[in-house]
């Protein structure tokens, strides 16, 4: 059924300052990611900016063909992506969540 990868960029606690260039992330980093990971099975993504009271600054939800294709891409095609991170953020404790999709529902348009 596919897999998801969620990149979570936590909001620093105690009002600590941070840098996250959302425009760069959306317009440069994510197209770079599609270039490198698309051939491995990355099919789509959603970049979300939670409200200010949320524990995350940004989360990205990626949809993949499978966990195996995701893991292969991470191992074989991520070097340039890792190097690009300092270009958009100084948040160093971002973490991933990898999961297999078990069910899905999409609203159908009514005519």
N, C-alpha and C. Protein backbone atom coordinates (compact mmCIF):
# COMPACT_ATOMS: atom_id res chain seq x y z
N UNK A 1 0.81 -1.20 0.00
CA UNK A 1 0.00 0.00 0.00
C UNK A 1 0.85 1.26 0.00
N UNK A 2 2.11 1.18 0.30
CA UNK A 2 2.97 2.34 0.30
C UNK A 2 3.51 2.66 1.68
N UNK A 3 4.24 3.76 1.73
CA UNK A 3 4.87 4.17 2.98
C UNK A 3 4.91 5.69 3.06
N UNK A 4 5.06 6.18 4.27
CA UNK A 4 5.24 7.62 4.47
C UNK A 4 6.51 7.86 5.26
N UNK A 5 7.08 9.02 5.01
CA UNK A 5 8.23 9.53 5.76
C UNK A 5 7.80 10.90 6.23
N UNK A 6 7.89 11.15 7.51
CA UNK A 6 7.54 12.46 8.05
C UNK A 6 8.79 13.08 8.66
N UNK A 7 9.21 14.21 8.10
CA UNK A 7 10.34 14.95 8.66
C UNK A 7 9.77 15.98 9.63
N UNK A 8 10.19 15.90 10.89
CA UNK A 8 9.69 16.77 11.95
C UNK A 8 10.79 17.72 12.41
N UNK A 9 10.54 19.00 12.29
CA UNK A 9 11.50 20.02 12.75
C UNK A 9 10.93 20.64 14.02
N UNK A 10 11.44 20.23 15.19
CA UNK A 10 10.86 20.69 16.45
C UNK A 10 11.09 22.18 16.72
N UNK A 11 10.09 22.79 17.31
CA UNK A 11 10.20 24.19 17.73
C UNK A 11 11.07 24.23 18.97
N UNK A 12 12.14 25.03 18.96
CA UNK A 12 13.00 25.10 20.15
C UNK A 12 12.21 25.59 21.37
N UNK A 13 12.51 25.02 22.50
CA UNK A 13 11.80 25.37 23.73
C UNK A 13 12.37 26.64 24.36
N UNK A 14 11.61 27.19 25.26
CA UNK A 14 12.07 28.35 26.02
C UNK A 14 12.24 29.60 25.20
N UNK A 15 11.57 29.69 24.05
CA UNK A 15 11.67 30.89 23.23
C UNK A 15 13.01 31.05 22.53
N UNK A 16 13.80 29.98 22.47
CA UNK A 16 15.09 30.06 21.78
C UNK A 16 14.88 30.40 20.32
N UNK A 17 15.78 31.20 19.79
CA UNK A 17 15.66 31.59 18.39
C UNK A 17 16.09 30.44 17.48
N UNK A 18 15.59 30.47 16.27
CA UNK A 18 15.94 29.46 15.28
C UNK A 18 15.78 30.08 13.90
N UNK A 19 16.34 29.41 12.91
CA UNK A 19 16.20 29.85 11.52
C UNK A 19 15.61 28.70 10.72
N UNK A 20 14.54 28.99 10.01
CA UNK A 20 13.97 28.03 9.06
C UNK A 20 13.45 28.84 7.88
N UNK A 21 14.14 28.72 6.75
CA UNK A 21 13.78 29.45 5.54
C UNK A 21 12.79 28.61 4.75
N UNK A 22 11.52 28.82 5.01
CA UNK A 22 10.47 28.00 4.40
C UNK A 22 10.44 28.17 2.88
N UNK A 23 10.68 29.38 2.40
CA UNK A 23 10.69 29.61 0.95
C UNK A 23 11.79 28.78 0.28
N UNK A 24 12.99 28.81 0.85
CA UNK A 24 14.09 28.00 0.30
C UNK A 24 13.74 26.52 0.37
N UNK A 25 13.21 26.10 1.48
CA UNK A 25 12.86 24.69 1.67
C UNK A 25 11.88 24.21 0.60
N UNK A 26 10.84 25.01 0.37
CA UNK A 26 9.81 24.64 -0.61
C UNK A 26 10.32 24.75 -2.04
N UNK A 27 11.02 25.83 -2.36
CA UNK A 27 11.40 26.11 -3.75
C UNK A 27 12.73 25.52 -4.19
N UNK A 28 13.58 25.13 -3.25
CA UNK A 28 14.90 24.60 -3.62
C UNK A 28 15.12 23.20 -3.07
N UNK A 29 14.99 23.04 -1.76
CA UNK A 29 15.32 21.74 -1.15
C UNK A 29 14.36 20.63 -1.60
N UNK A 30 13.08 20.88 -1.57
CA UNK A 30 12.13 19.82 -1.92
C UNK A 30 12.21 19.43 -3.40
N UNK A 31 12.37 20.36 -4.34
CA UNK A 31 12.60 19.93 -5.73
C UNK A 31 13.89 19.12 -5.87
N UNK A 32 14.92 19.48 -5.10
CA UNK A 32 16.16 18.70 -5.10
C UNK A 32 15.89 17.29 -4.59
N UNK A 33 15.06 17.20 -3.58
CA UNK A 33 14.73 15.88 -3.05
C UNK A 33 13.96 15.05 -4.08
N UNK A 34 13.02 15.66 -4.78
CA UNK A 34 12.29 14.92 -5.82
C UNK A 34 13.24 14.47 -6.93
N UNK A 35 14.19 15.32 -7.27
CA UNK A 35 15.17 14.95 -8.31
C UNK A 35 15.94 13.69 -7.91
N UNK A 36 16.38 13.63 -6.66
CA UNK A 36 17.20 12.51 -6.20
C UNK A 36 16.38 11.29 -5.77
N UNK A 37 15.25 11.52 -5.15
CA UNK A 37 14.48 10.41 -4.59
C UNK A 37 13.31 9.96 -5.46
N UNK A 38 12.86 10.81 -6.38
CA UNK A 38 11.76 10.42 -7.27
C UNK A 38 12.02 9.11 -8.00
N UNK A 39 13.23 8.92 -8.56
CA UNK A 39 13.51 7.66 -9.26
C UNK A 39 13.47 6.43 -8.34
N UNK A 40 13.55 6.65 -7.05
CA UNK A 40 13.52 5.54 -6.08
C UNK A 40 12.11 5.23 -5.58
N UNK A 41 11.15 6.09 -5.88
CA UNK A 41 9.79 5.81 -5.44
C UNK A 41 9.14 6.88 -4.59
N UNK A 42 9.76 8.06 -4.45
CA UNK A 42 9.08 9.17 -3.78
C UNK A 42 8.05 9.72 -4.75
N UNK A 43 6.77 9.66 -4.39
CA UNK A 43 5.69 10.01 -5.31
C UNK A 43 5.13 11.41 -5.09
N UNK A 44 5.06 11.85 -3.86
CA UNK A 44 4.53 13.18 -3.58
C UNK A 44 4.90 13.58 -2.16
N UNK A 45 4.67 14.85 -1.86
CA UNK A 45 4.92 15.33 -0.50
C UNK A 45 3.99 16.49 -0.18
N UNK A 46 3.84 16.75 1.10
CA UNK A 46 3.11 17.91 1.61
C UNK A 46 4.01 18.56 2.65
N UNK A 47 4.27 19.85 2.50
CA UNK A 47 5.00 20.62 3.51
C UNK A 47 3.94 21.38 4.30
N UNK A 48 3.95 21.19 5.62
CA UNK A 48 2.96 21.86 6.46
C UNK A 48 3.65 22.72 7.52
N UNK A 49 3.05 23.86 7.78
CA UNK A 49 3.55 24.77 8.81
C UNK A 49 2.49 24.82 9.91
N UNK A 50 2.72 24.11 11.01
CA UNK A 50 1.75 24.09 12.10
C UNK A 50 1.57 25.47 12.74
N UNK A 51 0.51 25.61 13.50
CA UNK A 51 0.28 26.86 14.23
C UNK A 51 1.40 27.08 15.24
N UNK A 52 1.54 28.31 15.70
CA UNK A 52 2.66 28.66 16.59
C UNK A 52 2.64 27.94 17.93
N UNK A 53 1.51 27.40 18.34
CA UNK A 53 1.46 26.68 19.61
C UNK A 53 1.83 25.20 19.46
N UNK A 54 2.09 24.76 18.24
CA UNK A 54 2.46 23.36 17.99
C UNK A 54 3.93 23.12 18.33
N UNK A 55 4.29 21.89 18.63
CA UNK A 55 5.68 21.60 18.98
C UNK A 55 6.63 21.55 17.79
N UNK A 56 6.12 21.72 16.57
CA UNK A 56 6.97 21.66 15.38
C UNK A 56 6.87 22.95 14.59
N UNK A 57 7.99 23.36 14.01
CA UNK A 57 8.05 24.52 13.14
C UNK A 57 7.50 24.15 11.77
N UNK A 58 7.97 23.02 11.26
CA UNK A 58 7.56 22.51 9.95
C UNK A 58 7.55 20.99 10.01
N UNK A 59 6.63 20.40 9.27
CA UNK A 59 6.63 18.95 9.06
C UNK A 59 6.44 18.71 7.57
N UNK A 60 7.13 17.72 7.06
CA UNK A 60 6.96 17.32 5.67
C UNK A 60 6.53 15.87 5.65
N UNK A 61 5.44 15.61 4.96
CA UNK A 61 4.92 14.25 4.84
C UNK A 61 5.17 13.80 3.41
N UNK A 62 5.96 12.76 3.25
CA UNK A 62 6.32 12.24 1.93
C UNK A 62 5.61 10.90 1.71
N UNK A 63 5.16 10.67 0.50
CA UNK A 63 4.50 9.42 0.14
C UNK A 63 5.40 8.63 -0.80
N UNK A 64 5.70 7.40 -0.40
CA UNK A 64 6.64 6.53 -1.11
C UNK A 64 5.96 5.25 -1.57
N UNK A 65 6.59 4.60 -2.57
CA UNK A 65 6.09 3.31 -3.04
C UNK A 65 6.14 2.26 -1.94
N UNK A 66 7.24 2.27 -1.16
CA UNK A 66 7.41 1.25 -0.12
C UNK A 66 8.48 1.70 0.86
N UNK A 67 8.51 1.03 2.01
CA UNK A 67 9.58 1.27 2.99
C UNK A 67 10.93 0.93 2.35
N UNK A 68 10.99 -0.18 1.61
CA UNK A 68 12.25 -0.60 0.98
C UNK A 68 12.78 0.45 0.01
N UNK A 69 11.90 1.02 -0.82
CA UNK A 69 12.36 2.04 -1.77
C UNK A 69 12.83 3.29 -1.04
N UNK A 70 12.15 3.64 0.05
CA UNK A 70 12.56 4.78 0.86
C UNK A 70 13.94 4.54 1.47
N UNK A 71 14.14 3.39 2.07
CA UNK A 71 15.42 3.08 2.70
C UNK A 71 16.56 3.06 1.68
N UNK A 72 16.28 2.53 0.49
CA UNK A 72 17.30 2.49 -0.56
C UNK A 72 17.68 3.91 -0.98
N UNK A 73 16.70 4.78 -1.15
CA UNK A 73 16.96 6.17 -1.52
C UNK A 73 17.78 6.88 -0.45
N UNK A 74 17.43 6.66 0.80
CA UNK A 74 18.16 7.30 1.90
C UNK A 74 19.62 6.87 1.89
N UNK A 75 19.87 5.60 1.64
CA UNK A 75 21.25 5.08 1.62
C UNK A 75 22.02 5.52 0.39
N UNK A 76 21.37 5.53 -0.77
CA UNK A 76 22.09 5.71 -2.03
C UNK A 76 22.03 7.11 -2.63
N UNK A 77 21.06 7.92 -2.27
CA UNK A 77 20.84 9.16 -3.00
C UNK A 77 20.56 10.37 -2.11
N UNK A 78 21.18 10.43 -0.94
CA UNK A 78 20.86 11.52 -0.01
C UNK A 78 22.03 12.45 0.32
N UNK A 79 23.22 12.18 -0.18
CA UNK A 79 24.39 12.97 0.20
C UNK A 79 24.19 14.46 -0.07
N UNK A 80 23.72 14.81 -1.25
CA UNK A 80 23.51 16.22 -1.58
C UNK A 80 22.42 16.85 -0.71
N UNK A 81 21.42 16.06 -0.37
CA UNK A 81 20.34 16.56 0.48
C UNK A 81 20.83 16.87 1.89
N UNK A 82 21.64 15.99 2.46
CA UNK A 82 22.20 16.24 3.80
C UNK A 82 23.02 17.52 3.80
N UNK A 83 23.80 17.73 2.73
CA UNK A 83 24.64 18.94 2.64
C UNK A 83 23.81 20.21 2.51
N UNK A 84 22.60 20.09 2.01
CA UNK A 84 21.75 21.26 1.78
C UNK A 84 21.04 21.75 3.05
N UNK A 85 20.92 20.93 4.06
CA UNK A 85 20.16 21.29 5.26
C UNK A 85 20.58 22.63 5.87
N UNK A 86 21.89 22.91 6.03
CA UNK A 86 22.26 24.21 6.62
C UNK A 86 21.82 25.42 5.78
N UNK A 87 21.47 25.21 4.53
CA UNK A 87 20.99 26.31 3.69
C UNK A 87 19.59 26.78 4.07
N UNK A 88 18.82 25.95 4.78
CA UNK A 88 17.47 26.38 5.14
C UNK A 88 17.18 26.38 6.63
N UNK A 89 17.99 25.68 7.45
CA UNK A 89 17.68 25.69 8.89
C UNK A 89 18.92 25.47 9.75
N UNK A 90 18.81 25.94 10.98
CA UNK A 90 19.82 25.64 12.00
C UNK A 90 19.24 24.72 13.07
N UNK A 91 18.05 24.19 12.84
CA UNK A 91 17.46 23.22 13.76
C UNK A 91 18.19 21.90 13.57
N UNK A 92 18.92 21.49 14.59
CA UNK A 92 19.79 20.32 14.45
C UNK A 92 19.18 19.03 14.99
N UNK A 93 18.05 19.12 15.67
CA UNK A 93 17.49 17.91 16.27
C UNK A 93 16.21 17.45 15.55
N UNK A 94 16.15 17.72 14.24
CA UNK A 94 15.02 17.22 13.45
C UNK A 94 15.06 15.69 13.46
N UNK A 95 13.89 15.09 13.34
CA UNK A 95 13.87 13.63 13.36
C UNK A 95 12.84 13.10 12.37
N UNK A 96 13.08 11.90 11.86
CA UNK A 96 12.15 11.30 10.91
C UNK A 96 11.22 10.29 11.58
N UNK A 97 10.08 10.12 10.98
CA UNK A 97 9.18 9.02 11.32
C UNK A 97 8.94 8.27 10.02
N UNK A 98 9.23 6.98 10.03
CA UNK A 98 9.00 6.15 8.85
C UNK A 98 7.89 5.18 9.19
N UNK A 99 6.92 5.03 8.28
CA UNK A 99 5.77 4.17 8.58
C UNK A 99 5.21 3.57 7.30
N UNK A 100 4.65 2.39 7.46
CA UNK A 100 3.96 1.73 6.36
C UNK A 100 2.49 2.13 6.41
N UNK A 101 1.93 2.49 5.28
CA UNK A 101 0.52 2.87 5.22
C UNK A 101 -0.34 1.61 5.30
N UNK A 102 -1.29 1.60 6.21
CA UNK A 102 -2.19 0.45 6.40
C UNK A 102 -3.59 0.70 5.85
N UNK A 103 -4.01 1.94 5.77
CA UNK A 103 -5.32 2.28 5.23
C UNK A 103 -5.27 3.71 4.71
N UNK A 104 -6.14 4.01 3.76
CA UNK A 104 -6.17 5.34 3.18
C UNK A 104 -7.59 5.63 2.69
N UNK A 105 -7.97 6.88 2.71
CA UNK A 105 -9.27 7.29 2.21
C UNK A 105 -9.11 8.63 1.55
N UNK A 106 -9.72 8.83 0.40
CA UNK A 106 -9.71 10.10 -0.31
C UNK A 106 -11.14 10.44 -0.68
N UNK A 107 -11.56 11.64 -0.36
CA UNK A 107 -12.90 12.07 -0.70
C UNK A 107 -13.05 12.11 -2.22
N UNK A 108 -14.14 11.60 -2.71
CA UNK A 108 -14.42 11.61 -4.14
C UNK A 108 -15.25 12.84 -4.47
N UNK A 109 -14.89 13.53 -5.55
CA UNK A 109 -15.67 14.69 -5.98
C UNK A 109 -17.04 14.23 -6.47
N UNK A 110 -18.04 15.01 -6.11
CA UNK A 110 -19.40 14.71 -6.57
C UNK A 110 -19.71 15.62 -7.75
N UNK A 111 -20.35 15.06 -8.75
CA UNK A 111 -20.71 15.86 -9.94
C UNK A 111 -21.90 16.74 -9.69
